[in-house]
Protein backbone atom coordinates (compact mmCIF):
# COMPACT_ATOMS: atom_id res chain seq x y z
CA MET A 1 -41.27 -125.95 19.84
CA GLY A 2 -42.66 -122.89 21.63
CA THR A 3 -41.83 -121.26 24.93
CA CYS A 4 -42.45 -122.31 28.46
CA ASP A 5 -43.51 -119.74 31.03
CA PHE A 6 -43.57 -121.98 34.10
CA VAL A 7 -41.91 -125.28 34.94
CA ARG A 8 -42.82 -127.42 37.91
CA VAL A 9 -41.92 -130.97 38.73
CA VAL A 10 -44.75 -132.58 40.64
CA PRO A 11 -44.82 -135.98 42.42
CA PHE A 12 -44.36 -139.24 40.54
CA GLY A 13 -41.81 -137.87 38.06
CA ILE A 14 -44.19 -135.68 36.08
CA LEU A 15 -43.06 -132.41 34.53
CA LEU A 16 -45.73 -129.72 34.30
CA LEU A 17 -45.11 -127.11 31.60
CA ILE A 18 -47.43 -124.13 31.46
CA GLY A 19 -47.12 -121.73 28.58
CA THR A 20 -47.03 -121.89 24.83
CA VAL A 21 -45.68 -125.35 24.16
CA GLY A 22 -46.98 -126.15 20.70
CA ARG A 23 -50.22 -124.17 21.10
CA VAL A 24 -51.17 -120.91 22.75
CA GLY A 25 -52.08 -121.23 26.43
CA THR A 26 -51.53 -124.94 26.86
CA ILE A 27 -50.76 -127.05 29.86
CA THR A 28 -48.55 -129.93 28.87
CA ILE A 29 -47.81 -132.81 31.18
CA MET A 30 -44.98 -135.17 30.32
CA GLN A 31 -42.90 -137.83 31.98
CA ILE A 32 -39.48 -136.52 33.05
CA SER A 33 -36.48 -137.62 31.07
CA PRO A 34 -33.21 -135.85 30.25
CA ILE A 35 -34.27 -135.65 26.61
CA THR A 36 -37.55 -133.83 27.31
CA LEU A 37 -35.90 -131.60 29.89
CA SER A 38 -33.15 -130.51 27.49
CA TYR A 39 -35.29 -127.77 25.94
CA VAL A 40 -37.00 -126.58 29.12
CA GLN A 41 -36.06 -123.14 30.44
CA MET A 42 -34.99 -124.26 33.93
CA ILE A 43 -33.90 -120.75 34.92
CA PRO A 44 -36.38 -118.00 33.98
CA GLN A 45 -35.17 -115.47 31.40
CA ASP A 46 -35.48 -112.58 33.85
CA ARG A 47 -32.72 -114.06 36.02
CA GLN A 48 -28.97 -113.70 35.60
CA TRP A 49 -27.36 -116.95 34.44
CA PHE A 50 -24.30 -117.61 32.28
CA LYS A 51 -25.62 -120.69 30.50
CA HIS A 52 -23.50 -123.49 29.07
CA ASN A 53 -24.60 -125.97 26.43
CA PRO A 54 -26.92 -128.75 27.63
CA ALA A 55 -25.50 -131.99 29.04
CA SER A 56 -25.79 -134.95 26.72
CA PRO A 57 -28.14 -137.78 27.70
CA GLU A 58 -25.04 -140.00 27.97
CA ALA A 59 -23.37 -137.61 30.47
CA ILE A 60 -26.54 -137.49 32.58
CA LYS A 61 -26.87 -141.29 32.49
CA ALA A 62 -23.22 -141.68 33.59
CA LEU A 63 -23.77 -139.26 36.48
CA ARG A 64 -26.94 -141.06 37.62
CA LYS A 65 -24.98 -144.31 37.69
CA ALA A 66 -21.92 -142.85 39.45
CA ALA A 67 -23.94 -141.03 42.12
CA GLY A 68 -25.05 -144.23 43.81
CA VAL A 69 -28.11 -142.44 45.20
CA GLU A 70 -31.21 -141.04 43.53
CA LEU A 71 -30.52 -137.34 43.03
CA PRO A 72 -33.46 -135.02 42.29
CA ALA A 73 -34.94 -134.93 38.79
CA GLU A 74 -34.72 -131.12 38.91
CA TYR A 75 -30.93 -131.34 39.23
CA PHE A 76 -30.69 -133.46 36.09
CA GLY A 77 -33.13 -131.06 34.43
CA LEU A 78 -30.82 -128.16 35.22
CA LEU A 79 -27.86 -130.04 33.71
CA ALA A 80 -29.94 -130.87 30.63
CA TYR A 81 -30.61 -127.13 30.31
CA SER A 82 -27.12 -125.86 31.25
CA ASN A 83 -24.23 -128.29 31.76
CA GLY A 84 -22.33 -126.00 34.08
CA GLY A 85 -22.76 -122.28 34.32
CA GLU A 86 -22.58 -119.38 36.72
CA GLY A 87 -24.89 -116.88 38.32
CA PRO A 88 -25.93 -115.21 41.53
CA LEU A 89 -27.79 -116.91 44.37
CA ALA A 90 -30.38 -115.24 46.58
CA LEU A 91 -28.86 -117.06 49.55
CA SER A 92 -25.41 -117.71 51.02
CA PRO A 93 -22.83 -118.20 49.51
CA TRP A 94 -24.38 -115.67 47.06
CA ASN A 95 -22.95 -117.17 43.83
CA LEU A 96 -23.18 -120.53 42.06
CA CYS A 97 -20.55 -122.00 39.77
CA LEU A 98 -22.36 -125.14 38.61
CA ASP A 99 -20.08 -128.06 37.74
CA SER A 100 -20.80 -129.99 34.55
CA ALA A 101 -22.22 -133.52 34.67
CA GLU A 102 -18.84 -134.80 33.50
CA GLU A 103 -16.98 -132.98 36.31
CA VAL A 104 -19.32 -134.31 39.00
CA THR A 105 -19.09 -137.84 37.57
CA SER A 106 -15.29 -137.62 37.51
CA ASP A 107 -15.15 -136.31 41.10
CA ILE A 108 -17.35 -139.19 42.30
CA GLU A 109 -15.46 -141.87 40.37
CA ASN A 110 -12.04 -140.50 41.43
CA LYS A 111 -13.23 -139.99 45.04
CA THR A 112 -12.01 -136.39 44.88
CA PHE A 113 -13.99 -135.29 47.95
CA GLU A 114 -14.29 -138.65 49.72
CA GLU A 115 -11.55 -138.16 52.34
CA PHE A 116 -12.90 -134.91 53.79
CA PHE A 117 -16.48 -134.78 52.47
CA SER A 118 -17.83 -138.30 52.74
CA GLY A 119 -21.64 -138.22 52.59
CA PHE A 120 -21.81 -135.27 50.21
CA VAL A 121 -22.23 -135.05 46.44
CA VAL A 122 -20.48 -131.83 45.44
CA PHE A 123 -22.06 -130.24 42.37
CA GLY A 124 -20.53 -126.76 42.40
CA GLY A 125 -19.22 -123.95 44.50
CA ASN A 126 -19.24 -120.19 44.78
CA CYS A 127 -16.12 -119.76 42.59
CA GLY A 128 -14.21 -119.21 45.82
CA ALA A 129 -13.64 -121.13 49.04
CA LYS A 130 -17.10 -122.72 49.36
CA LEU A 131 -18.44 -125.93 47.87
CA ILE A 132 -22.14 -126.52 47.23
CA ALA A 133 -23.35 -130.09 47.65
CA PHE A 134 -26.18 -132.50 48.32
CA ASP A 135 -25.95 -133.79 51.91
CA ILE A 136 -26.77 -137.47 51.44
CA ARG A 137 -25.97 -138.49 55.03
CA GLY A 138 -29.65 -138.43 56.00
CA ASN A 139 -32.94 -139.07 54.25
CA LYS A 140 -34.38 -137.67 51.03
CA PRO A 141 -35.04 -135.02 50.03
CA TRP A 142 -31.33 -134.26 50.22
CA PRO A 143 -30.67 -130.81 51.70
CA ILE A 144 -28.31 -128.48 49.85
CA VAL A 145 -25.31 -127.36 51.87
CA SER A 146 -22.48 -124.87 51.59
CA ILE A 147 -19.10 -126.07 52.90
CA ASP A 148 -16.28 -123.65 53.72
CA VAL A 149 -13.10 -125.43 52.60
CA THR A 150 -10.88 -123.03 54.57
CA ASN A 151 -12.32 -124.22 57.90
CA ILE A 152 -10.18 -126.88 59.60
CA HIS A 153 -13.29 -128.89 60.56
CA LEU A 154 -14.32 -129.26 56.91
CA ALA A 155 -17.45 -131.50 56.72
CA GLU A 156 -18.57 -130.46 60.21
CA ASN A 157 -19.09 -126.90 58.98
CA ALA A 158 -21.61 -127.85 56.29
CA GLU A 159 -24.35 -125.22 56.48
CA ILE A 160 -27.80 -126.11 55.14
CA ILE A 161 -28.76 -123.40 52.64
CA ALA A 162 -31.91 -125.04 51.21
CA LYS A 163 -33.98 -127.95 52.49
CA ASP A 164 -34.13 -129.45 48.98
CA PHE A 165 -33.02 -128.83 45.41
CA VAL A 166 -36.35 -127.29 44.33
CA LEU A 167 -35.96 -124.49 46.89
CA PHE A 168 -32.30 -124.09 45.95
CA LEU A 169 -33.16 -123.82 42.26
CA ALA A 170 -35.69 -121.07 43.05
CA SER A 171 -32.78 -118.90 44.28
CA VAL A 172 -30.47 -119.49 41.30
CA GLY A 173 -29.96 -116.43 39.13
CA VAL A 174 -31.64 -114.12 41.67
CA VAL A 175 -29.57 -111.13 42.73
CA ASN A 176 -29.58 -110.61 46.51
CA THR A 177 -30.61 -107.02 47.24
C-alpha cells in the first residue's frame, strides 16, 4: 500500500496523508474511518513506541458507543494503529501505557472509575500511580489530563497536560531530554 510520511486530521473528518501512498509523492485525502486508519503510521517510526496489534473495527465501534460522548478521531486512529502499547511522553507524566479499546470499553460499561473520576474517560496511565484521561466535564475539544491516584483529593488533582488529543499525540513516543 506504500508508506505515509505525514498524517494530519483536518476539519470535517478528513484525513490528509502525505507521502508515498500508492504513487511517489502523492497527497491523498480520505474520509476518516477506523478501517482506513488501521494502516496509517500514527506514531512516526523515529519515535519509541511498543506497538500492539490494531484494534478491530468492532472494538472501536463498541468503544464509540460506550463512551457516550464524541471522542477525537485521532484517538480512534491511534487505537486502529496500536490497540494498547507503551512509550515515553515528552510531557508529564513522562510515560504512556495506552489501554486497549476493549479495556476502555469495559471500564466505561462497568463504571470502574465513576465513583472517584466522574467526568473523565480514562484511556491509559503512566504504568504507575497516574491515570491519563479525557476531561469531558467541559466543552470540546476535550483536554487530556493526568490524575495522581495516590492523592486523597483524586479528581480535584487532575492536571491538564495537553489542551487536546492532537497535541497529546504529538508528544507520544518522544523521549524527554
